[in-house]
Amino acid sequence: MIRYECDKCGKSLAANDRQRYIVKMEIFAAADHVDLDVEAVADPKLEMAKVLSQLAAADPDEIEDQTYRAFRYDLCDDCRRTFLRNPLG
């Protein structure tokens, strides 16, 4: 059995509770299209190997944090009202 509680105040909520609200948030990089100029790089294969090496050594969570994250929260009615007044707290 799945138990729900408000992620803000901890109040118990039922799965079909009319006072249970779901907040979904996404954070992602606002990067525009990247134009690659292969001719500007002396050795494209070497450059690609460097990038892949950097990615292999990097922390996967940090890479994900820099590109995309999604969050989902359950809120009770009181916390929903507070959230709507000031979403960034």
C-alpha atoms as a PDB file:
ATOM      1  CA  MET A   1       0.000   0.000   0.000  1.00  0.00           C
ATOM      2  CA  ILE A   2       1.356   3.391  -1.011  1.00  0.00           C
ATOM      3  CA  ARG A   3       1.257   6.051   1.683  1.00  0.00           C
ATOM      4  CA  TYR A   4       1.235   9.717   0.799  1.00  0.00           C
ATOM      5  CA  GLU A   5       2.206  12.674   2.900  1.00  0.00           C
ATOM      6  CA  CYS A   6       2.683  16.358   2.204  1.00  0.00           C
ATOM      7  CA  ASP A   7       6.305  16.909   1.229  1.00  0.00           C
ATOM      8  CA  LYS A   8       6.211  20.335   2.889  1.00  0.00           C
ATOM      9  CA  CYS A   9       4.544  19.762   6.284  1.00  0.00           C
ATOM     10  CA  GLY A  10       4.333  15.949   6.582  1.00  0.00           C
ATOM     11  CA  LYS A  11       0.530  15.733   6.878  1.00  0.00           C
ATOM     12  CA  SER A  12      -0.856  12.287   5.906  1.00  0.00           C
ATOM     13  CA  LEU A  13      -2.778  12.247   2.636  1.00  0.00           C
ATOM     14  CA  ALA A  14      -4.914   9.569   0.989  1.00  0.00           C
ATOM     15  CA  ALA A  15      -4.222   8.554  -2.618  1.00  0.00           C
ATOM     16  CA  ASN A  16      -7.611   9.826  -3.747  1.00  0.00           C
ATOM     17  CA  ASP A  17      -7.786  12.728  -1.280  1.00  0.00           C
ATOM     18  CA  ARG A  18      -9.331  15.861  -2.781  1.00  0.00           C
ATOM     19  CA  GLN A  19      -6.926  17.847  -0.624  1.00  0.00           C
ATOM     20  CA  ARG A  20      -3.828  16.219  -2.206  1.00  0.00           C
ATOM     21  CA  TYR A  21      -2.033  18.179  -4.922  1.00  0.00           C
ATOM     22  CA  ILE A  22       0.925  17.245  -7.080  1.00  0.00           C
ATOM     23  CA  VAL A  23       3.613  19.728  -8.054  1.00  0.00           C
ATOM     24  CA  LYS A  24       5.955  18.815 -10.915  1.00  0.00           C
ATOM     25  CA  MET A  25       9.038  20.867 -11.675  1.00  0.00           C
ATOM     26  CA  GLU A  26      11.698  20.595 -14.342  1.00  0.00           C
ATOM     27  CA  ILE A  27      15.067  22.280 -14.467  1.00  0.00           C
ATOM     28  CA  PHE A  28      17.069  22.075 -17.665  1.00  0.00           C
ATOM     29  CA  ALA A  29      19.894  23.837 -19.446  1.00  0.00           C
ATOM     30  CA  ALA A  30      18.744  26.709 -21.631  1.00  0.00           C
ATOM     31  CA  ALA A  31      21.411  26.044 -24.243  1.00  0.00           C
ATOM     32  CA  ASP A  32      20.758  27.075 -27.801  1.00  0.00           C
ATOM     33  CA  HIS A  33      21.725  24.984 -30.783  1.00  0.00           C
ATOM     34  CA  VAL A  34      25.476  24.384 -30.826  1.00  0.00           C
ATOM     35  CA  ASP A  35      27.241  24.792 -34.161  1.00  0.00           C
ATOM     36  CA  LEU A  36      30.285  22.592 -34.430  1.00  0.00           C
ATOM     37  CA  ASP A  37      33.079  23.790 -36.690  1.00  0.00           C
ATOM     38  CA  VAL A  38      34.985  20.599 -37.423  1.00  0.00           C
ATOM     39  CA  GLU A  39      37.434  22.477 -39.641  1.00  0.00           C
ATOM     40  CA  ALA A  40      38.476  24.723 -36.726  1.00  0.00           C
ATOM     41  CA  VAL A  41      39.754  21.691 -34.792  1.00  0.00           C
ATOM     42  CA  ALA A  42      43.119  20.294 -35.832  1.00  0.00           C
ATOM     43  CA  ASP A  43      42.218  16.674 -35.027  1.00  0.00           C
ATOM     44  CA  PRO A  44      38.466  16.068 -34.566  1.00  0.00           C
ATOM     45  CA  LYS A  45      38.977  12.454 -33.426  1.00  0.00           C
ATOM     46  CA  LEU A  46      41.448  13.555 -30.757  1.00  0.00           C
ATOM     47  CA  GLU A  47      39.084  16.312 -29.638  1.00  0.00           C
ATOM     48  CA  MET A  48      36.207  13.817 -29.374  1.00  0.00           C
ATOM     49  CA  ALA A  49      38.420  11.437 -27.385  1.00  0.00           C
ATOM     50  CA  LYS A  50      39.198  14.277 -24.940  1.00  0.00           C
ATOM     51  CA  VAL A  51      35.509  15.064 -24.473  1.00  0.00           C
ATOM     52  CA  LEU A  52      34.651  11.400 -23.914  1.00  0.00           C
ATOM     53  CA  SER A  53      37.510  11.067 -21.435  1.00  0.00           C
ATOM     54  CA  GLN A  54      36.235  14.095 -19.492  1.00  0.00           C
ATOM     55  CA  LEU A  55      32.724  12.650 -19.427  1.00  0.00           C
ATOM     56  CA  ALA A  56      33.998   9.260 -18.238  1.00  0.00           C
ATOM     57  CA  ALA A  57      35.855  10.930 -15.347  1.00  0.00           C
ATOM     58  CA  ALA A  58      32.949  13.198 -14.371  1.00  0.00           C
ATOM     59  CA  ASP A  59      30.353  12.478 -11.701  1.00  0.00           C
ATOM     60  CA  PRO A  60      27.163  11.289 -13.486  1.00  0.00           C
ATOM     61  CA  ASP A  61      24.948  13.117 -10.982  1.00  0.00           C
ATOM     62  CA  GLU A  62      26.793  16.373 -11.636  1.00  0.00           C
ATOM     63  CA  ILE A  63      26.386  15.945 -15.397  1.00  0.00           C
ATOM     64  CA  GLU A  64      22.677  15.312 -14.928  1.00  0.00           C
ATOM     65  CA  ASP A  65      22.348  18.333 -12.622  1.00  0.00           C
ATOM     66  CA  GLN A  66      23.855  20.510 -15.348  1.00  0.00           C
ATOM     67  CA  THR A  67      21.503  19.259 -18.053  1.00  0.00           C
ATOM     68  CA  TYR A  68      18.118  18.110 -16.689  1.00  0.00           C
ATOM     69  CA  ARG A  69      16.314  17.336 -13.441  1.00  0.00           C
ATOM     70  CA  ALA A  70      12.665  16.652 -12.720  1.00  0.00           C
ATOM     71  CA  PHE A  71      10.979  16.791  -9.327  1.00  0.00           C
ATOM     72  CA  ARG A  72       7.553  15.693  -8.069  1.00  0.00           C
ATOM     73  CA  TYR A  73       6.028  16.729  -4.765  1.00  0.00           C
ATOM     74  CA  ASP A  74       2.751  15.967  -2.971  1.00  0.00           C
ATOM     75  CA  LEU A  75       1.196  18.921  -1.149  1.00  0.00           C
ATOM     76  CA  CYS A  76      -1.756  19.291   1.174  1.00  0.00           C
ATOM     77  CA  ASP A  77      -4.214  22.116   0.481  1.00  0.00           C
ATOM     78  CA  ASP A  78      -2.633  24.528   2.992  1.00  0.00           C
ATOM     79  CA  CYS A  79       0.858  24.014   1.577  1.00  0.00           C
ATOM     80  CA  ARG A  80      -0.488  24.317  -1.985  1.00  0.00           C
ATOM     81  CA  ARG A  81      -1.871  27.760  -1.117  1.00  0.00           C
ATOM     82  CA  THR A  82       1.464  28.807   0.382  1.00  0.00           C
ATOM     83  CA  PHE A  83       3.317  27.478  -2.652  1.00  0.00           C
ATOM     84  CA  LEU A  84       1.082  29.374  -5.075  1.00  0.00           C
ATOM     85  CA  ARG A  85       1.715  32.646  -3.236  1.00  0.00           C
ATOM     86  CA  ASN A  86       5.489  32.242  -3.475  1.00  0.00           C
ATOM     87  CA  PRO A  87       6.703  29.234  -5.498  1.00  0.00           C
ATOM     88  CA  LEU A  88      10.394  29.947  -4.917  1.00  0.00           C
ATOM     89  CA  GLY A  89       9.897  30.338  -1.181  1.00  0.00           C
END
